[in-house]
């Protein structure tokens, strides 16, 4: 019984984390709650990905990346996001 309870708790926590992760595609809505389309959606998703990746662009010592290293990192990160 205790193993079942522990398994249930971990499954519930895992589900909560999965629900909390929103993608840029799911955030692309206007003020009235309707989904964005066309150029507005493309622009929003591009900016959302850029903002999400820019905070992660740091080297192993905690300094912000610059130049070619930052450009390379941003391209890779935006493709994965």
Protein backbone atom coordinates (compact mmCIF):
# COMPACT_ATOMS: atom_id res chain seq x y z
CA UNK A 1 0.00 0.00 0.00
CA UNK A 2 2.83 2.39 0.84
CA UNK A 3 4.54 1.72 -2.51
CA UNK A 4 1.31 2.52 -4.32
CA UNK A 5 0.96 5.80 -2.43
CA UNK A 6 4.54 6.83 -3.20
CA UNK A 7 4.06 5.98 -6.89
CA UNK A 8 0.86 8.01 -6.99
CA UNK A 9 2.57 11.04 -5.41
CA UNK A 10 5.43 10.94 -7.95
CA UNK A 11 3.01 10.54 -10.85
CA UNK A 12 1.02 13.55 -9.68
CA UNK A 13 4.15 15.69 -9.35
CA UNK A 14 5.32 14.66 -12.82
CA UNK A 15 1.97 15.59 -14.33
CA UNK A 16 2.08 19.01 -12.68
CA UNK A 17 5.49 19.77 -14.17
CA UNK A 18 4.35 18.70 -17.63
CA UNK A 19 1.28 20.92 -17.47
CA UNK A 20 3.28 23.92 -16.23
CA UNK A 21 5.59 23.93 -19.27
CA UNK A 22 4.14 26.19 -21.89
CA UNK A 23 5.54 26.56 -25.37
CA UNK A 24 5.77 29.77 -27.33
CA UNK A 25 3.12 28.36 -29.69
CA UNK A 26 0.63 27.97 -26.85
CA UNK A 27 1.33 31.50 -25.55
CA UNK A 28 0.56 33.11 -28.94
CA UNK A 29 -2.84 34.63 -28.16
CA UNK A 30 -4.13 38.19 -28.46
CA UNK A 31 -5.72 40.32 -25.73
CA UNK A 32 -9.16 38.82 -26.28
CA UNK A 33 -7.86 35.26 -25.97
CA UNK A 34 -7.97 34.33 -29.65
CA UNK A 35 -5.01 32.54 -31.23
CA UNK A 36 -2.68 34.70 -33.29
CA UNK A 37 -2.29 33.89 -36.99
CA UNK A 38 0.00 34.82 -39.86
CA UNK A 39 2.74 37.39 -39.43
CA UNK A 40 1.66 38.31 -35.89
CA UNK A 41 2.07 34.70 -34.75
CA UNK A 42 5.42 34.31 -36.52
CA UNK A 43 6.74 37.51 -34.96
CA UNK A 44 5.50 36.59 -31.49
CA UNK A 45 6.96 33.06 -31.59
CA UNK A 46 10.35 34.34 -32.86
CA UNK A 47 10.53 36.96 -30.08
CA UNK A 48 9.40 34.45 -27.44
CA UNK A 49 12.13 31.97 -28.44
CA UNK A 50 14.78 34.71 -28.54
CA UNK A 51 13.80 35.93 -25.06
CA UNK A 52 13.81 32.39 -23.66
CA UNK A 53 17.26 31.63 -25.07
CA UNK A 54 18.94 34.94 -24.26
CA UNK A 55 18.77 34.29 -20.52
CA UNK A 56 20.53 30.93 -21.02
CA UNK A 57 23.42 32.37 -23.09
CA UNK A 58 26.16 32.17 -20.44
CA UNK A 59 29.50 30.37 -20.35
CA UNK A 60 30.63 27.87 -17.72
CA UNK A 61 31.89 30.70 -15.48
CA UNK A 62 28.56 32.52 -15.50
CA UNK A 63 29.56 35.33 -17.85
CA UNK A 64 27.27 36.33 -20.71
CA UNK A 65 28.31 35.03 -24.12
CA UNK A 66 29.26 37.56 -26.82
CA UNK A 67 30.07 37.62 -30.51
CA UNK A 68 30.20 34.41 -32.51
CA UNK A 69 29.73 32.22 -29.45
CA UNK A 70 26.46 33.94 -28.58
CA UNK A 71 25.24 33.84 -32.19
CA UNK A 72 25.98 30.13 -32.45
CA UNK A 73 24.34 29.37 -29.12
CA UNK A 74 21.25 31.41 -29.97
CA UNK A 75 20.78 29.67 -33.33
CA UNK A 76 21.03 26.24 -31.73
CA UNK A 77 18.77 27.16 -28.82
CA UNK A 78 16.08 28.71 -31.02
CA UNK A 79 15.97 25.62 -33.25
CA UNK A 80 15.43 23.39 -30.21
CA UNK A 81 12.87 25.67 -28.54
